[in-house]
Amino acid sequence: MTTVTEAPEARSRPGDGPAAQGSDFSRLSRRIAEAGLLRRRPGYYTLRLTLVGLAAVAGWAAFFTLGDSWWQLAVAGFLGLVFGQFALVAHDLAHRQVFSKRRASEVGGRIVGNLGIGMSYGWWMNKHTRHHANPNHEELDPDVNPDILVWSQDQARAAKGLPRFIGRHQAGIFFPLLTLEGFNLHVSSVRALREPHMKRRVLEGVLLFAHLGGYLAALFLVLPPGLAIAFLFLHQAVFGVYLGSIFAPNHKGMPMLTGEDRPDFLRRQVLTSRNVRGGRLTDVALGGLNYQIEHHLFPNMPSPHLRRAQRIVRDYCAELGISYHETGLIASWREALRHLHEVGAPLREKAATAA
């Protein structure tokens, strides 16, 4: 397991907020603010929401126009990508990149997330907030819980049940598993309605079931059962693989933290995150999350500003001697898969010994 170590004076206490993030981050924050990169971009988000909405309208219009045709599988693939873009918009809404007010952000997030794609805004917001506070921390980041996959060799040694079975060969089946991620998001969203932290659960539930009911009714009323099932599985598979391909390169294979191993805010975010190089097309496809380091440092920064922020953050990290990792998209997947293979070694060794 790779860990991050810092001098005692560089560590932050549990519960430290933005005001207590240390002078290193404060100086960087001032540079970012002076560059005007925290200002809202209403015009950009108006255009982006309009284009994503039009893509959804076009996809569903094609669906109802084609009717009983195997060309519907092409529509399913297209709508899988559109759902991914909706998820990215919901992400920006949750971080208040679009609106400065919580109320507007929550309304928009529930419309896009719950009603638009069947993913609970409240459930995802709770989970994602904890991830941002402690990325790649084995005990504190819900994104590295060993519920199906294992993310460190310590987790592999302690694994039981499904993670123990899957973990041996998790690198090889990672992308096939992502075909189920869309279904997992829907199931987790419904299950979360019973969790005590969920706010506005009645509203969340009504919107979720409105989406699921309308979605399934459209499929099975317009298409024969066999084609409807094929559409359902292909649509959700593309959606899941697309989302996984966006989020997996961000942290997987980067240093893992555990116990009291908590560097200060700046280092905690930079050292556990990976940027993905690319041009404007990469920015659109990955929703700006290819600038994962900058996003984690300034989560409410509008995504079109992240490219400019990157130069400032990268130069600042060079000044402080902080490792700043960026790579190409394919290389990022390769690094993540290599990490998954390496951490599964104890499970393979155990299986070989038992045999």
Protein backbone atom coordinates (compact mmCIF):
# COMPACT_ATOMS: atom_id res chain seq x y z
CA MET A 1 0.00 0.00 0.00
CA THR A 2 1.30 3.45 -0.91
CA THR A 3 0.91 6.04 1.82
CA VAL A 4 1.54 9.76 2.14
CA THR A 5 3.69 10.98 5.00
CA GLU A 6 4.04 14.58 6.09
CA ALA A 7 5.86 16.41 8.81
CA PRO A 8 3.71 16.82 11.98
CA GLU A 9 3.35 20.54 11.45
CA ALA A 10 1.82 19.93 8.02
CA ARG A 11 -1.06 17.83 9.33
CA SER A 12 -4.57 19.15 9.85
CA ARG A 13 -6.86 18.17 12.69
CA PRO A 14 -10.07 16.20 12.07
CA GLY A 15 -12.85 18.66 11.37
CA ASP A 16 -10.58 21.40 10.04
CA GLY A 17 -12.58 23.60 7.69
CA PRO A 18 -11.60 25.99 4.89
CA ALA A 19 -10.55 28.65 7.40
CA ALA A 20 -8.08 26.26 9.02
CA GLN A 21 -6.51 24.79 5.92
CA GLY A 22 -3.10 26.35 6.46
CA SER A 23 -1.07 29.12 4.94
CA ASP A 24 0.02 27.09 1.89
CA PHE A 25 -3.55 26.67 0.73
CA SER A 26 -4.47 30.22 1.72
CA ARG A 27 -1.79 31.67 -0.53
CA LEU A 28 -2.93 29.50 -3.42
CA SER A 29 -6.55 30.46 -2.78
CA ARG A 30 -5.66 34.14 -2.98
CA ARG A 31 -3.98 33.63 -6.36
CA ILE A 32 -7.01 31.79 -7.68
CA ALA A 33 -9.41 34.47 -6.41
CA GLU A 34 -7.28 37.29 -7.84
CA ALA A 35 -7.41 35.55 -11.23
CA GLY A 36 -11.24 35.68 -11.06
CA LEU A 37 -11.59 31.90 -11.34
CA LEU A 38 -14.24 31.54 -8.64
CA ARG A 39 -16.78 33.74 -10.42
CA ARG A 40 -19.99 32.09 -11.61
CA ARG A 41 -20.47 31.40 -15.33
CA PRO A 42 -24.23 31.65 -15.92
CA GLY A 43 -23.86 31.92 -19.68
CA TYR A 44 -21.74 28.78 -19.89
CA TYR A 45 -24.13 26.74 -17.77
CA THR A 46 -27.18 28.03 -19.62
CA LEU A 47 -25.62 26.82 -22.88
CA ARG A 48 -24.45 23.53 -21.39
CA LEU A 49 -27.80 22.70 -19.81
CA THR A 50 -29.57 23.63 -23.04
CA LEU A 51 -27.34 21.38 -25.17
CA VAL A 52 -27.61 18.41 -22.79
CA GLY A 53 -31.38 18.90 -22.60
CA LEU A 54 -31.66 19.04 -26.39
CA ALA A 55 -29.58 15.88 -26.68
CA ALA A 56 -31.99 14.12 -24.31
CA VAL A 57 -35.03 15.39 -26.25
CA ALA A 58 -33.46 14.22 -29.52
CA GLY A 59 -32.68 10.80 -28.07
CA TRP A 60 -36.16 10.18 -26.71
CA ALA A 61 -37.75 11.61 -29.87
CA ALA A 62 -35.76 9.06 -31.89
CA PHE A 63 -36.86 6.35 -29.46
CA PHE A 64 -40.58 7.07 -29.93
CA THR A 65 -40.20 7.61 -33.69
CA LEU A 66 -38.34 4.35 -34.38
CA GLY A 67 -40.67 2.12 -32.38
CA ASP A 68 -40.08 -1.60 -32.89
CA SER A 69 -36.67 -1.50 -34.54
CA TRP A 70 -33.27 -2.89 -33.64
CA TRP A 71 -31.90 0.56 -34.43
CA GLN A 72 -33.15 1.30 -30.93
CA LEU A 73 -29.89 -0.16 -29.64
CA ALA A 74 -28.05 2.77 -31.18
CA VAL A 75 -30.47 5.09 -29.37
CA ALA A 76 -29.80 3.19 -26.14
CA GLY A 77 -26.06 3.78 -26.51
CA PHE A 78 -26.57 7.45 -27.28
CA LEU A 79 -28.87 7.94 -24.28
CA GLY A 80 -26.32 6.18 -22.08
CA LEU A 81 -23.86 8.96 -22.94
CA VAL A 82 -26.56 11.60 -22.41
CA PHE A 83 -27.31 10.18 -18.96
CA GLY A 84 -23.60 10.46 -18.19
CA GLN A 85 -23.67 14.13 -19.14
CA PHE A 86 -26.73 14.63 -16.92
CA ALA A 87 -24.80 13.05 -14.04
CA LEU A 88 -21.94 15.50 -14.64
CA VAL A 89 -24.39 18.42 -14.56
CA ALA A 90 -25.86 17.08 -11.30
CA HIS A 91 -22.31 16.92 -9.94
CA ASP A 92 -21.70 20.60 -10.76
CA LEU A 93 -25.05 21.57 -9.24
CA ALA A 94 -24.20 19.69 -6.03
CA HIS A 95 -20.94 21.62 -5.73
CA ARG A 96 -22.76 24.95 -6.24
CA GLN A 97 -20.81 25.66 -9.38
CA VAL A 98 -23.99 26.69 -11.18
CA PHE A 99 -25.89 28.55 -8.43
CA SER A 100 -24.44 30.13 -5.32
CA LYS A 101 -27.55 29.43 -3.23
CA ARG A 102 -28.15 26.02 -1.67
CA ARG A 103 -31.86 26.02 -2.41
CA ALA A 104 -31.44 26.54 -6.15
CA SER A 105 -28.66 23.96 -6.26
CA GLU A 106 -30.78 21.36 -4.47
CA VAL A 107 -33.82 21.97 -6.68
CA GLY A 108 -31.72 21.70 -9.82
CA GLY A 109 -29.84 18.67 -8.51
CA ARG A 110 -33.02 16.76 -7.70
CA ILE A 111 -34.59 17.57 -11.07
CA VAL A 112 -31.51 16.50 -13.03
CA GLY A 113 -30.47 13.63 -10.75
CA ASN A 114 -33.65 12.06 -9.34
CA LEU A 115 -36.08 12.86 -12.13
CA GLY A 116 -33.67 13.01 -15.05
CA ILE A 117 -31.55 9.88 -14.55
CA GLY A 118 -32.98 8.11 -11.48
CA MET A 119 -30.06 8.82 -9.13
CA SER A 120 -30.76 10.20 -5.66
CA TYR A 121 -29.27 13.66 -5.25
CA GLY A 122 -29.36 13.43 -1.44
CA TRP A 123 -27.68 10.01 -1.30
CA TRP A 124 -24.97 10.96 -3.76
CA MET A 125 -24.38 14.35 -2.13
CA ASN A 126 -23.80 12.75 1.29
CA LYS A 127 -21.41 10.18 -0.15
CA HIS A 128 -19.52 12.61 -2.36
CA THR A 129 -19.07 15.19 0.40
CA ARG A 130 -17.35 12.58 2.57
CA HIS A 131 -15.15 11.60 -0.36
CA HIS A 132 -14.03 15.19 -0.92
CA ALA A 133 -13.17 15.65 2.75
CA ASN A 134 -10.89 12.60 2.84
CA PRO A 135 -10.05 11.28 -0.64
CA ASN A 136 -8.47 7.81 -0.71
CA HIS A 137 -8.62 7.44 3.09
CA GLU A 138 -9.45 3.80 3.80
CA GLU A 139 -11.60 4.52 6.85
CA LEU A 140 -13.15 7.84 5.83
CA ASP A 141 -13.67 7.82 2.04
CA PRO A 142 -16.78 5.83 1.05
CA ASP A 143 -15.42 5.49 -2.50
CA VAL A 144 -12.73 3.08 -1.26
CA ASN A 145 -14.94 0.90 0.91
CA PRO A 146 -14.16 -2.77 0.19
CA ASP A 147 -17.78 -3.66 -0.54
CA ILE A 148 -17.05 -5.34 -3.89
CA LEU A 149 -13.47 -4.44 -4.82
CA VAL A 150 -10.46 -4.04 -2.55
CA TRP A 151 -8.34 -0.89 -2.79
CA SER A 152 -5.33 -1.78 -0.62
CA GLN A 153 -3.45 -4.91 0.35
CA ASP A 154 -4.63 -4.48 3.94
CA GLN A 155 -8.21 -4.59 2.70
CA ALA A 156 -7.36 -7.64 0.60
CA ARG A 157 -5.92 -9.51 3.61
CA ALA A 158 -9.09 -8.78 5.61
CA ALA A 159 -11.51 -9.43 2.74
CA LYS A 160 -14.35 -11.92 3.08
CA GLY A 161 -17.24 -12.94 0.89
CA LEU A 162 -17.63 -11.26 -2.49
CA PRO A 163 -14.60 -8.91 -2.26
CA ARG A 164 -12.40 -11.89 -1.40
CA PHE A 165 -13.69 -13.79 -4.44
CA ILE A 166 -13.59 -10.88 -6.90
CA GLY A 167 -10.44 -9.21 -5.57
CA ARG A 168 -8.12 -11.87 -6.95
CA HIS A 169 -8.89 -10.90 -10.54
CA GLN A 170 -10.49 -7.48 -10.07
CA ALA A 171 -8.23 -5.69 -12.56
CA GLY A 172 -9.34 -8.00 -15.37
CA ILE A 173 -13.04 -7.67 -14.64
CA PHE A 174 -13.11 -3.99 -13.62
CA PHE A 175 -14.55 -2.64 -16.87
CA PRO A 176 -17.06 -5.51 -17.24
CA LEU A 177 -18.22 -4.74 -13.70
CA LEU A 178 -18.82 -1.13 -14.72
CA THR A 179 -21.61 -2.32 -17.01
CA LEU A 180 -23.58 -2.89 -13.78
CA GLU A 181 -22.78 0.50 -12.27
CA GLY A 182 -25.87 2.18 -13.73
CA PHE A 183 -28.09 -0.42 -12.05
CA ASN A 184 -26.10 -0.03 -8.83
CA LEU A 185 -26.77 3.72 -8.78
CA HIS A 186 -30.51 3.17 -9.10
CA VAL A 187 -30.63 0.44 -6.44
CA SER A 188 -28.43 2.41 -4.02
CA SER A 189 -30.62 5.48 -4.52
CA VAL A 190 -33.79 3.61 -3.63
CA ARG A 191 -32.17 1.90 -0.63
CA ALA A 192 -30.91 5.27 0.62
CA LEU A 193 -34.49 6.49 1.09
CA ARG A 194 -34.52 4.54 4.38
CA GLU A 195 -31.25 6.01 5.67
CA PRO A 196 -31.49 8.51 8.57
CA HIS A 197 -29.27 11.12 6.92
CA MET A 198 -31.60 11.47 3.93
CA LYS A 199 -33.32 14.85 3.79
CA ARG A 200 -36.58 15.44 1.91
CA ARG A 201 -36.93 11.69 1.47
CA VAL A 202 -40.57 11.91 0.34
CA LEU A 203 -39.65 14.34 -2.43
CA GLU A 204 -36.59 12.28 -3.34
CA GLY A 205 -38.71 9.13 -3.47
CA VAL A 206 -41.48 10.68 -5.56
CA LEU A 207 -38.99 11.97 -8.13
CA LEU A 208 -37.04 8.71 -8.20
CA PHE A 209 -40.08 6.53 -8.74
CA ALA A 210 -41.51 8.99 -11.27
CA HIS A 211 -38.33 8.50 -13.30
CA LEU A 212 -38.23 4.72 -12.89
CA GLY A 213 -41.94 4.31 -13.61
CA GLY A 214 -41.89 6.54 -16.68
CA TYR A 215 -38.69 4.97 -17.98
CA LEU A 216 -39.89 1.37 -17.69
CA ALA A 217 -43.35 2.23 -19.00
CA ALA A 218 -41.85 3.85 -22.10
CA LEU A 219 -39.62 0.85 -22.79
CA PHE A 220 -42.26 -1.86 -22.39
CA LEU A 221 -45.12 0.05 -24.02
CA VAL A 222 -43.17 1.08 -27.13
CA LEU A 223 -40.96 -2.01 -27.58
CA PRO A 224 -41.62 -5.74 -27.54
CA PRO A 225 -40.33 -7.39 -24.32
CA GLY A 226 -37.11 -8.82 -25.78
CA LEU A 227 -36.07 -5.54 -27.39
CA ALA A 228 -37.11 -3.57 -24.30
CA ILE A 229 -34.83 -5.72 -22.12
CA ALA A 230 -31.97 -5.38 -24.62
CA PHE A 231 -32.45 -1.60 -24.67
CA LEU A 232 -32.53 -1.47 -20.87
CA PHE A 233 -29.31 -3.43 -20.41
CA LEU A 234 -27.37 -1.67 -23.17
CA HIS A 235 -28.49 1.78 -22.04
CA GLN A 236 -27.54 1.17 -18.41
CA ALA A 237 -24.29 -0.57 -19.39
CA VAL A 238 -23.12 2.38 -21.50
CA PHE A 239 -24.16 4.76 -18.73
CA GLY A 240 -22.19 2.78 -16.13
CA VAL A 241 -19.05 2.33 -18.22
CA TYR A 242 -19.07 6.01 -19.18
CA LEU A 243 -19.34 7.16 -15.57
CA GLY A 244 -16.74 4.67 -14.41
CA SER A 245 -14.35 5.75 -17.16
CA ILE A 246 -14.70 9.34 -15.93
CA PHE A 247 -14.32 8.72 -12.20
CA ALA A 248 -11.88 5.78 -12.04
CA PRO A 249 -8.83 7.73 -13.34
CA ASN A 250 -9.27 10.46 -10.72
CA HIS A 251 -7.92 8.66 -7.62
CA LYS A 252 -7.50 4.93 -8.23
CA GLY A 253 -3.83 4.03 -8.08
CA MET A 254 -2.90 7.20 -6.23
CA PRO A 255 -1.56 7.11 -2.62
CA MET A 256 -3.90 5.64 -0.02
CA LEU A 257 -4.27 7.09 3.48
CA THR A 258 -5.18 5.30 6.68
CA GLY A 259 -5.56 5.99 10.40
CA GLU A 260 -4.05 9.33 11.42
CA ASP A 261 -2.28 9.71 8.10
CA ARG A 262 -3.94 13.01 7.16
CA PRO A 263 -1.73 15.66 5.52
CA ASP A 264 -2.90 19.27 5.45
CA PHE A 265 -5.72 20.16 3.07
CA LEU A 266 -3.53 21.18 0.13
CA ARG A 267 -1.41 18.05 0.17
CA ARG A 268 -4.32 15.76 1.03
CA GLN A 269 -6.10 16.82 -2.15
CA VAL A 270 -3.13 17.10 -4.52
CA LEU A 271 -1.25 13.94 -3.57
CA THR A 272 -4.29 11.65 -3.79
CA SER A 273 -5.62 12.99 -7.13
CA ARG A 274 -4.62 12.51 -10.75
CA ASN A 275 -5.20 14.87 -13.66
CA VAL A 276 -5.88 13.63 -17.19
CA ARG A 277 -4.31 15.52 -20.08
CA GLY A 278 -6.35 16.40 -23.13
CA GLY A 279 -7.92 19.14 -25.20
CA ARG A 280 -11.38 20.66 -25.28
CA LEU A 281 -12.99 17.38 -26.32
CA THR A 282 -11.56 15.71 -23.21
CA ASP A 283 -12.90 18.58 -21.11
CA VAL A 284 -16.40 18.03 -22.51
CA ALA A 285 -16.33 14.22 -22.32
CA LEU A 286 -15.04 14.19 -18.73
CA GLY A 287 -17.04 17.23 -17.62
CA GLY A 288 -13.93 19.04 -16.41
CA LEU A 289 -13.14 16.26 -13.93
CA ASN A 290 -9.95 15.61 -15.87
CA TYR A 291 -8.70 18.56 -13.76
CA GLN A 292 -9.31 16.51 -10.64
CA ILE A 293 -6.61 18.18 -8.56
CA GLU A 294 -8.00 21.66 -9.15
CA HIS A 295 -11.56 20.42 -8.64
CA HIS A 296 -10.69 18.91 -5.26
CA LEU A 297 -8.93 22.06 -4.14
CA PHE A 298 -11.75 24.35 -5.30
CA PRO A 299 -14.89 22.19 -5.64
CA ASN A 300 -17.20 25.16 -6.23
CA MET A 301 -15.08 26.51 -9.09
CA PRO A 302 -17.11 26.47 -12.35
CA SER A 303 -15.71 23.73 -14.58
CA PRO A 304 -14.77 26.03 -17.51
CA HIS A 305 -12.27 27.78 -15.19
CA LEU A 306 -10.43 24.60 -14.23
CA ARG A 307 -8.15 24.65 -17.29
CA ARG A 308 -6.83 28.11 -16.37
CA ALA A 309 -6.58 27.17 -12.70
CA GLN A 310 -4.41 24.20 -13.59
CA ARG A 311 -1.46 26.36 -14.61
CA ILE A 312 -1.61 28.30 -11.35
CA VAL A 313 -1.93 25.18 -9.18
CA ARG A 314 0.77 23.25 -11.02
CA ASP A 315 3.25 26.10 -10.77
CA TYR A 316 2.44 26.61 -7.10
CA CYS A 317 2.97 22.93 -6.32
CA ALA A 318 6.34 23.12 -8.09
CA GLU A 319 7.28 26.06 -5.85
CA LEU A 320 6.48 23.99 -2.74
CA GLY A 321 7.96 20.75 -4.05
CA ILE A 322 4.60 18.95 -3.94
CA SER A 323 4.21 16.08 -6.39
CA TYR A 324 1.62 16.93 -9.06
CA HIS A 325 0.55 13.94 -11.16
CA GLU A 326 -1.03 14.12 -14.58
CA THR A 327 -1.13 11.64 -17.43
CA GLY A 328 -3.07 10.71 -20.55
CA LEU A 329 -6.49 9.06 -20.37
CA ILE A 330 -5.37 5.58 -21.46
CA ALA A 331 -2.34 5.78 -19.15
CA SER A 332 -4.62 6.77 -16.26
CA TRP A 333 -6.76 3.66 -16.79
CA ARG A 334 -3.58 1.58 -17.02
CA GLU A 335 -2.33 2.98 -13.69
CA ALA A 336 -5.67 2.31 -12.02
CA LEU A 337 -5.82 -1.26 -13.32
CA ARG A 338 -2.21 -1.90 -12.30
CA HIS A 339 -3.07 -0.75 -8.79
CA LEU A 340 -6.11 -3.04 -8.64
CA HIS A 341 -3.95 -5.96 -9.73
CA GLU A 342 -1.22 -5.21 -7.19
CA VAL A 343 -3.54 -4.86 -4.20
CA GLY A 344 -5.21 -8.17 -5.08
CA ALA A 345 -1.88 -10.02 -4.71
CA PRO A 346 -2.54 -11.28 -1.12
CA LEU A 347 -5.79 -12.89 -2.30
CA ARG A 348 -4.07 -14.64 -5.21
CA GLU A 349 -1.31 -15.85 -2.91
CA LYS A 350 -3.86 -17.14 -0.42
CA ALA A 351 -5.75 -18.97 -3.17
CA ALA A 352 -2.53 -20.49 -4.51
CA THR A 353 -1.56 -21.67 -1.01
CA ALA A 354 -4.97 -23.22 -0.42
CA ALA A 355 -4.76 -25.08 -3.74
